[in-house]
């Protein structure tokens, strides 16, 4: 059986299993978290299960070892050997390890408050709905889904189950990024006129799921182009009202139908500010945000990598200290879920849905050659 057949069988199996899951009564996840911290952590501790034990999940798991508010207490994977290995490494007892067929049982696991979904994009919708129906908060890696319709399904399911839905926007907690946002709000840049976001690298293994339309939902735009979309929104401080886009494909063998290689796109904002962005899987050394206003400018280079982020403005170099992004993210998300904290930049399902609406419009602009109007609410 080929790797493509294996992927598709896996996807079909998960979708089928989600379809037969009955609506589970929602336990109150808020009450489960009302307790003192443990292991020297500050305040109540968010108990997190990771779903999908790949490379990024390992980064998150390692980050939680130094978290003050979050602790790894559950594992969900389709690979028994990974459950065993990770359980031993991170001290997760066998009773808190689940597979994709039985993870609905987390409903009865009092040591799990939230599930962080770190699986291929096309699986997010059904997995998030199942987690919500089990009464647990949902943290979903970006992109939240493969299109806005599926994203809305996730928002609705979490609302119905009375649990929260957060998206893994780690940059929303990064200190230098937040300093630029603070300066913009303080008027240090004056009226914002232009933003540029460049996101790209040469992708390797042609057989990986990120190049499979059925699992990824697209190509570079879904993986890294979303950083430029999201960055334009939080740097400029407005929601775009139109988008135009152009796609370039130089390798149709590697980047098959529906898997974008390179897209240039432009956003227009109500104030008259514009953004010009590039998303690509075919060029290296592209990780830069630049914004200019009537009174100053800001540059982040690198802007979205794992760090350290480097930046400067017309006032000088940004010197905020680097902390592992995922550690900051999990601490701050614990505050959101347990204490009701409101972040500087939203990370909820509505925020994720806005990015998906823009991605949908970018793909439509590429297909039609026409400007797409945006209504993000």
Protein backbone atom coordinates (compact mmCIF):
# COMPACT_ATOMS: atom_id res chain seq x y z
CA UNK A 1 0.00 0.00 0.00
CA UNK A 2 1.43 3.43 -0.92
CA UNK A 3 1.97 6.25 1.53
CA UNK A 4 -0.85 8.23 -0.12
CA UNK A 5 -3.23 5.30 0.43
CA UNK A 6 -2.15 5.06 4.05
CA UNK A 7 -2.79 8.77 4.60
CA UNK A 8 -6.20 8.66 3.04
CA UNK A 9 -7.21 5.53 4.91
CA UNK A 10 -6.10 7.18 8.15
CA UNK A 11 -8.12 10.29 7.38
CA UNK A 12 -11.20 8.28 6.41
CA UNK A 13 -10.95 6.18 9.57
CA UNK A 14 -10.83 9.23 11.82
CA UNK A 15 -13.66 10.98 10.05
CA UNK A 16 -15.77 7.82 10.25
CA UNK A 17 -15.08 7.40 13.94
CA UNK A 18 -16.07 11.02 14.58
CA UNK A 19 -19.33 10.53 12.75
CA UNK A 20 -20.52 7.82 15.11
CA UNK A 21 -19.57 9.54 18.37
CA UNK A 22 -22.73 10.38 20.33
CA UNK A 23 -23.18 13.77 21.91
CA UNK A 24 -21.58 13.46 25.33
CA UNK A 25 -22.83 15.40 28.31
CA UNK A 26 -20.45 18.27 28.98
CA UNK A 27 -18.54 18.18 32.24
CA UNK A 28 -17.71 21.57 33.64
CA UNK A 29 -14.07 22.05 32.69
CA UNK A 30 -13.92 25.30 34.59
CA UNK A 31 -14.64 23.57 37.91
CA UNK A 32 -12.04 20.89 37.23
CA UNK A 33 -9.32 23.55 37.15
CA UNK A 34 -10.22 25.35 40.38
CA UNK A 35 -7.41 24.01 42.54
CA UNK A 36 -4.00 25.03 43.90
CA UNK A 37 -0.93 24.68 41.73
CA UNK A 38 1.47 21.74 41.97
CA UNK A 39 5.16 21.16 41.34
CA UNK A 40 6.01 24.73 42.37
CA UNK A 41 3.81 26.26 39.69
CA UNK A 42 2.10 29.60 40.31
CA UNK A 43 -1.65 29.52 40.86
CA UNK A 44 -3.99 26.90 39.44
CA UNK A 45 -2.41 24.53 36.94
CA UNK A 46 -3.86 23.81 33.51
CA UNK A 47 -3.69 20.08 32.88
CA UNK A 48 -3.13 19.43 29.18
CA UNK A 49 -3.32 16.39 26.94
CA UNK A 50 -1.42 16.51 23.66
CA UNK A 51 -3.06 15.01 20.57
CA UNK A 52 -0.68 14.05 17.76
CA UNK A 53 2.81 13.23 19.02
CA UNK A 54 4.98 14.67 16.27
CA UNK A 55 7.90 17.07 16.22
CA UNK A 56 6.00 20.21 17.20
CA UNK A 57 4.14 18.40 19.97
CA UNK A 58 7.50 17.42 21.43
CA UNK A 59 8.50 21.08 21.45
CA UNK A 60 5.31 21.95 23.32
CA UNK A 61 5.83 19.08 25.77
CA UNK A 62 9.38 20.22 26.49
CA UNK A 63 8.18 23.80 26.92
CA UNK A 64 5.64 22.76 29.53
CA UNK A 65 8.43 21.33 31.69
CA UNK A 66 9.36 24.93 32.56
CA UNK A 67 5.81 26.31 32.51
CA UNK A 68 4.52 27.97 35.67
CA UNK A 69 0.85 27.32 34.89
CA UNK A 70 0.54 24.30 32.54
CA UNK A 71 1.39 20.62 32.97
CA UNK A 72 1.33 17.68 30.55
CA UNK A 73 -1.10 15.12 31.95
CA UNK A 74 -2.45 13.24 28.92
CA UNK A 75 -1.39 11.79 25.57
CA UNK A 76 -3.40 10.91 22.44
CA UNK A 77 -1.79 9.13 19.50
CA UNK A 78 -2.44 6.42 16.96
CA UNK A 79 1.02 4.94 17.58
CA UNK A 80 1.26 2.68 20.67
CA UNK A 81 5.05 2.91 20.80
CA UNK A 82 4.87 6.72 20.99
CA UNK A 83 2.36 6.55 23.82
CA UNK A 84 4.73 4.29 25.72
CA UNK A 85 7.83 6.35 24.96
CA UNK A 86 6.26 9.72 25.71
CA UNK A 87 4.47 8.42 28.77
CA UNK A 88 7.75 7.27 30.25
CA UNK A 89 9.66 10.40 29.24
CA UNK A 90 7.10 12.92 30.50
CA UNK A 91 5.64 10.99 33.39
CA UNK A 92 2.15 10.47 31.98
CA UNK A 93 0.50 7.39 33.52
CA UNK A 94 -0.92 4.72 31.23
CA UNK A 95 -4.48 5.49 32.34
CA UNK A 96 -4.10 8.96 30.78
CA UNK A 97 -2.94 7.67 27.39
CA UNK A 98 -5.50 7.37 24.60
CA UNK A 99 -5.72 6.53 20.90
CA UNK A 100 -7.81 8.11 18.17
CA UNK A 101 -10.60 5.57 18.58
CA UNK A 102 -11.10 5.86 22.34
CA UNK A 103 -10.07 9.41 23.28
CA UNK A 104 -13.72 10.36 23.90
CA UNK A 105 -13.10 8.68 27.28
CA UNK A 106 -11.28 11.83 28.40
CA UNK A 107 -14.79 12.91 29.41
CA UNK A 108 -14.27 10.84 32.56
CA UNK A 109 -10.63 11.82 33.13
CA UNK A 110 -10.51 14.50 35.86
CA UNK A 111 -6.78 15.07 35.29
CA UNK A 112 -7.31 16.61 31.84
CA UNK A 113 -8.68 20.14 31.46
CA UNK A 114 -7.75 20.83 27.85
CA UNK A 115 -6.54 19.02 24.74
CA UNK A 116 -3.94 20.61 22.46
CA UNK A 117 -4.58 19.31 18.94
CA UNK A 118 -1.36 19.11 16.90
CA UNK A 119 -2.38 16.89 13.99
CA UNK A 120 -2.67 17.47 10.23
CA UNK A 121 -4.97 20.39 9.40
CA UNK A 122 -7.78 18.34 7.85
CA UNK A 123 -8.26 16.43 11.10
CA UNK A 124 -8.72 19.48 13.33
CA UNK A 125 -12.46 19.96 12.85
CA UNK A 126 -13.63 16.49 13.80
CA UNK A 127 -11.11 16.08 16.60
CA UNK A 128 -11.98 19.47 18.11
CA UNK A 129 -15.69 18.66 18.04
CA UNK A 130 -15.08 15.37 19.82
CA UNK A 131 -12.93 17.07 22.46
CA UNK A 132 -15.59 19.73 23.02
CA UNK A 133 -18.30 17.10 23.36
CA UNK A 134 -16.16 15.43 26.01
CA UNK A 135 -16.35 18.65 28.00
CA UNK A 136 -12.70 19.68 27.64
CA UNK A 137 -11.27 22.97 26.44
CA UNK A 138 -9.76 22.90 22.95
CA UNK A 139 -6.37 24.33 22.00
CA UNK A 140 -5.81 23.83 18.28
CA UNK A 141 -2.65 24.42 16.33
CA UNK A 142 -2.92 26.86 13.43
CA UNK A 143 -4.48 26.90 10.94
CA UNK A 144 -7.55 26.16 13.00
CA UNK A 145 -9.12 24.26 10.08
CA UNK A 146 -8.81 23.94 6.30
CA UNK A 147 -11.51 26.53 5.53
CA UNK A 148 -13.86 28.96 7.25
CA UNK A 149 -16.85 26.61 7.08
CA UNK A 150 -15.04 23.96 9.11
CA UNK A 151 -13.70 26.62 11.45
CA UNK A 152 -17.22 27.83 12.13
CA UNK A 153 -18.26 24.26 12.97
CA UNK A 154 -15.52 24.18 15.60
CA UNK A 155 -16.55 27.53 17.08
CA UNK A 156 -20.19 26.42 17.24
CA UNK A 157 -19.36 23.04 18.83
CA UNK A 158 -17.25 24.62 21.57
CA UNK A 159 -19.90 27.24 22.25
CA UNK A 160 -22.59 24.55 22.49
CA UNK A 161 -20.45 22.48 24.86
CA UNK A 162 -19.59 25.59 26.92
CA UNK A 163 -15.86 25.08 26.58
CA UNK A 164 -13.28 27.48 25.22
CA UNK A 165 -11.52 27.22 21.88
CA UNK A 166 -8.01 28.68 21.57
CA UNK A 167 -5.60 28.64 18.63
CA UNK A 168 -1.84 28.14 18.94
CA UNK A 169 -0.84 31.68 17.95
CA UNK A 170 2.43 31.71 19.91
CA UNK A 171 3.52 35.06 18.43
CA UNK A 172 0.65 36.79 20.23
CA UNK A 173 2.63 36.40 23.46
CA UNK A 174 6.15 37.10 22.13
CA UNK A 175 7.68 40.12 23.95
CA UNK A 176 9.20 42.01 20.99
CA UNK A 177 6.02 41.54 18.97
CA UNK A 178 3.97 42.87 21.88
CA UNK A 179 6.30 45.86 22.20
CA UNK A 180 5.66 46.83 18.57
CA UNK A 181 1.93 46.53 19.19
CA UNK A 182 2.25 48.66 22.33
CA UNK A 183 4.16 51.33 20.42
CA UNK A 184 1.59 51.33 17.63
CA UNK A 185 -1.25 51.76 20.12
CA UNK A 186 0.68 54.59 21.80
CA UNK A 187 0.91 56.40 18.46
CA UNK A 188 4.69 56.08 18.12
CA UNK A 189 4.45 55.22 14.43
CA UNK A 190 1.70 57.69 13.59
CA UNK A 191 -0.87 56.65 11.04
CA UNK A 192 0.10 53.23 9.64
CA UNK A 193 0.53 53.26 5.88
CA UNK A 194 2.22 49.98 4.84
CA UNK A 195 3.01 46.47 6.06
CA UNK A 196 5.15 43.80 4.42
CA UNK A 197 5.18 40.17 5.51
CA UNK A 198 7.59 37.65 3.96
CA UNK A 199 7.23 34.00 4.99
CA UNK A 200 9.01 31.18 3.21
CA UNK A 201 11.46 28.29 3.09
CA UNK A 202 12.29 25.43 0.75
CA UNK A 203 10.28 22.46 1.93
CA UNK A 204 11.99 19.07 1.98
CA UNK A 205 10.42 15.60 1.93
CA UNK A 206 7.93 15.57 -0.98
CA UNK A 207 5.97 12.76 0.69
CA UNK A 208 5.13 14.64 3.89
CA UNK A 209 1.53 15.42 4.83
CA UNK A 210 2.03 19.18 4.37
CA UNK A 211 2.18 18.55 0.61
CA UNK A 212 -0.93 16.37 0.61
CA UNK A 213 -4.07 18.39 -0.18
CA UNK A 214 -6.28 15.86 1.62
CA UNK A 215 -4.44 16.39 4.91
CA UNK A 216 -3.07 19.94 4.66
CA UNK A 217 -5.94 21.68 2.88
CA UNK A 218 -3.45 23.58 0.72
CA UNK A 219 0.26 24.30 0.72
CA UNK A 220 2.53 27.05 1.97
CA UNK A 221 -0.38 29.42 2.66
CA UNK A 222 -1.89 27.10 5.27
CA UNK A 223 1.44 26.47 6.98
CA UNK A 224 3.38 29.74 6.91
CA UNK A 225 1.40 32.25 4.85
CA UNK A 226 -1.00 32.45 7.77
CA UNK A 227 1.77 34.15 9.78
CA UNK A 228 1.80 37.07 7.34
CA UNK A 229 -2.01 37.26 7.36
CA UNK A 230 -2.18 37.23 11.13
CA UNK A 231 0.84 39.51 11.46
CA UNK A 232 -0.64 42.11 9.13
CA UNK A 233 -3.75 42.21 11.29
CA UNK A 234 -2.04 42.61 14.67
CA UNK A 235 0.73 44.90 13.41
CA UNK A 236 -1.56 47.30 11.52
CA UNK A 237 -4.28 47.00 14.16
CA UNK A 238 -7.18 46.77 11.72
CA UNK A 239 -9.15 44.12 9.89
CA UNK A 240 -8.62 44.03 6.11
CA UNK A 241 -11.57 44.79 3.84
CA UNK A 242 -10.23 43.44 0.54
CA UNK A 243 -7.61 41.06 -0.81
CA UNK A 244 -5.95 40.39 -4.15
CA UNK A 245 -3.58 37.50 -4.82
CA UNK A 246 -1.45 35.82 -7.46
CA UNK A 247 -0.11 32.25 -7.45
CA UNK A 248 3.15 31.04 -9.00
CA UNK A 249 4.02 27.37 -9.41
CA UNK A 250 7.40 26.25 -10.78
CA UNK A 251 7.28 22.60 -9.70
CA UNK A 252 3.87 21.01 -10.44
CA UNK A 253 5.22 17.56 -9.60
CA UNK A 254 6.10 18.43 -6.01
CA UNK A 255 3.26 20.91 -5.63
CA UNK A 256 0.26 19.10 -7.04
CA UNK A 257 -3.19 20.51 -7.78
CA UNK A 258 -4.52 22.33 -4.74
CA UNK A 259 -1.12 22.56 -3.04
CA UNK A 260 0.21 26.10 -3.42
CA UNK A 261 3.93 26.67 -3.84
CA UNK A 262 4.13 30.49 -3.88
CA UNK A 263 1.42 33.11 -3.43
CA UNK A 264 1.80 36.87 -3.35
CA UNK A 265 -1.15 38.65 -1.79
CA UNK A 266 -2.20 42.17 -0.93
CA UNK A 267 -4.56 43.39 1.78
CA UNK A 268 -6.39 46.69 2.07
CA UNK A 269 -7.49 48.21 5.38
CA UNK A 270 -10.21 50.74 6.22
CA UNK A 271 -7.68 53.49 7.06
CA UNK A 272 -6.09 53.20 3.62
CA UNK A 273 -3.12 51.19 4.85
CA UNK A 274 -2.06 48.36 2.55
CA UNK A 275 -0.11 45.12 3.05
CA UNK A 276 2.04 43.25 0.54
CA UNK A 277 2.91 39.69 1.51
CA UNK A 278 4.62 36.58 0.18
CA UNK A 279 4.06 32.94 1.16
CA UNK A 280 6.29 30.24 -0.33
CA UNK A 281 7.64 26.71 0.06
CA UNK A 282 10.29 27.34 -2.62
CA UNK A 283 12.54 30.12 -1.24
CA UNK A 284 14.71 30.28 1.86
CA UNK A 285 15.55 33.15 4.24
CA UNK A 286 12.09 34.72 4.24
CA UNK A 287 10.90 35.60 7.74
CA UNK A 288 10.47 39.36 7.93
CA UNK A 289 7.78 41.82 8.99
CA UNK A 290 8.16 45.51 8.19
CA UNK A 291 5.68 48.26 8.98
CA UNK A 292 5.90 51.97 8.37
CA UNK A 293 3.75 54.86 9.48
CA UNK A 294 3.83 58.62 9.11
CA UNK A 295 6.02 58.99 12.21
CA UNK A 296 8.18 55.86 12.32
CA UNK A 297 8.71 52.23 11.45
CA UNK A 298 9.17 48.75 12.93
CA UNK A 299 10.99 45.70 11.61
CA UNK A 300 11.05 42.13 12.96
CA UNK A 301 13.73 39.91 11.40
CA UNK A 302 13.31 37.04 12.07
CA UNK A 303 9.64 37.71 12.76
CA UNK A 304 8.01 34.34 13.44
CA UNK A 305 10.73 31.72 13.92
CA UNK A 306 11.15 29.87 17.18
CA UNK A 307 13.55 32.52 18.32
CA UNK A 308 15.07 34.59 19.34
CA UNK A 309 13.04 37.18 17.45
CA UNK A 310 15.08 40.26 16.54
CA UNK A 311 13.62 43.68 15.94
CA UNK A 312 14.21 47.41 15.66
CA UNK A 313 12.16 50.56 15.28
CA UNK A 314 12.99 54.16 14.46
CA UNK A 315 13.72 54.51 18.18
CA UNK A 316 16.34 51.75 18.24
CA UNK A 317 16.82 48.04 18.78
CA UNK A 318 14.19 46.00 20.60
CA UNK A 319 15.77 44.42 23.67
CA UNK A 320 13.00 42.42 25.33
CA UNK A 321 14.36 39.06 26.57
CA UNK A 322 13.73 35.83 24.71
CA UNK A 323 11.68 33.13 26.43
CA UNK A 324 10.73 29.88 24.73
CA UNK A 325 7.59 30.80 22.82
CA UNK A 326 5.62 27.70 23.70
CA UNK A 327 6.33 28.15 27.42
CA UNK A 328 4.97 31.70 27.32
CA UNK A 329 2.03 30.53 25.23
CA UNK A 330 1.02 27.77 27.62
CA UNK A 331 1.39 30.01 30.69
CA UNK A 332 -0.75 32.70 29.10
CA UNK A 333 -3.32 30.22 27.82
CA UNK A 334 -3.62 28.81 31.34
CA UNK A 335 -4.45 32.32 32.49
CA UNK A 336 -7.09 32.64 29.78
CA UNK A 337 -8.72 29.29 30.50
CA UNK A 338 -8.44 29.26 34.30
CA UNK A 339 -8.64 32.94 35.25
CA UNK A 340 -10.53 34.50 32.35
CA UNK A 341 -7.56 36.69 31.38
CA UNK A 342 -7.91 38.72 28.19
CA UNK A 343 -4.74 38.68 26.02
CA UNK A 344 -3.42 41.75 24.19
CA UNK A 345 -4.08 39.97 20.89
CA UNK A 346 -6.95 37.45 20.83
CA UNK A 347 -6.20 33.75 20.42
CA UNK A 348 -9.77 32.46 20.47
CA UNK A 349 -11.73 30.65 17.79
CA UNK A 350 -13.10 33.89 16.38
CA UNK A 351 -9.53 35.05 15.74
CA UNK A 352 -8.72 31.77 14.00
CA UNK A 353 -11.89 32.01 11.93
CA UNK A 354 -10.94 35.46 10.62
CA UNK A 355 -7.64 34.13 9.28
CA UNK A 356 -9.48 31.25 7.59
CA UNK A 357 -11.88 33.66 5.90
CA UNK A 358 -8.91 35.58 4.52
CA UNK A 359 -7.23 32.37 3.32
CA UNK A 360 -10.46 31.35 1.57
CA UNK A 361 -10.52 34.76 -0.12
CA UNK A 362 -6.85 34.51 -1.14
CA UNK A 363 -7.46 31.18 -2.85
CA UNK A 364 -10.54 32.62 -4.55
CA UNK A 365 -8.53 35.63 -5.74
CA UNK A 366 -5.85 33.32 -7.18
CA UNK A 367 -8.48 31.22 -8.97
CA UNK A 368 -10.48 34.11 -10.41
CA UNK A 369 -7.92 36.89 -10.79
CA UNK A 370 -10.41 39.22 -9.11
CA UNK A 371 -10.27 41.27 -5.97
CA UNK A 372 -12.23 39.73 -3.08
CA UNK A 373 -14.14 41.84 -0.60
CA UNK A 374 -13.80 40.85 3.07
CA UNK A 375 -16.33 41.11 5.89
CA UNK A 376 -14.69 39.79 9.02
CA UNK A 377 -17.11 41.28 11.52
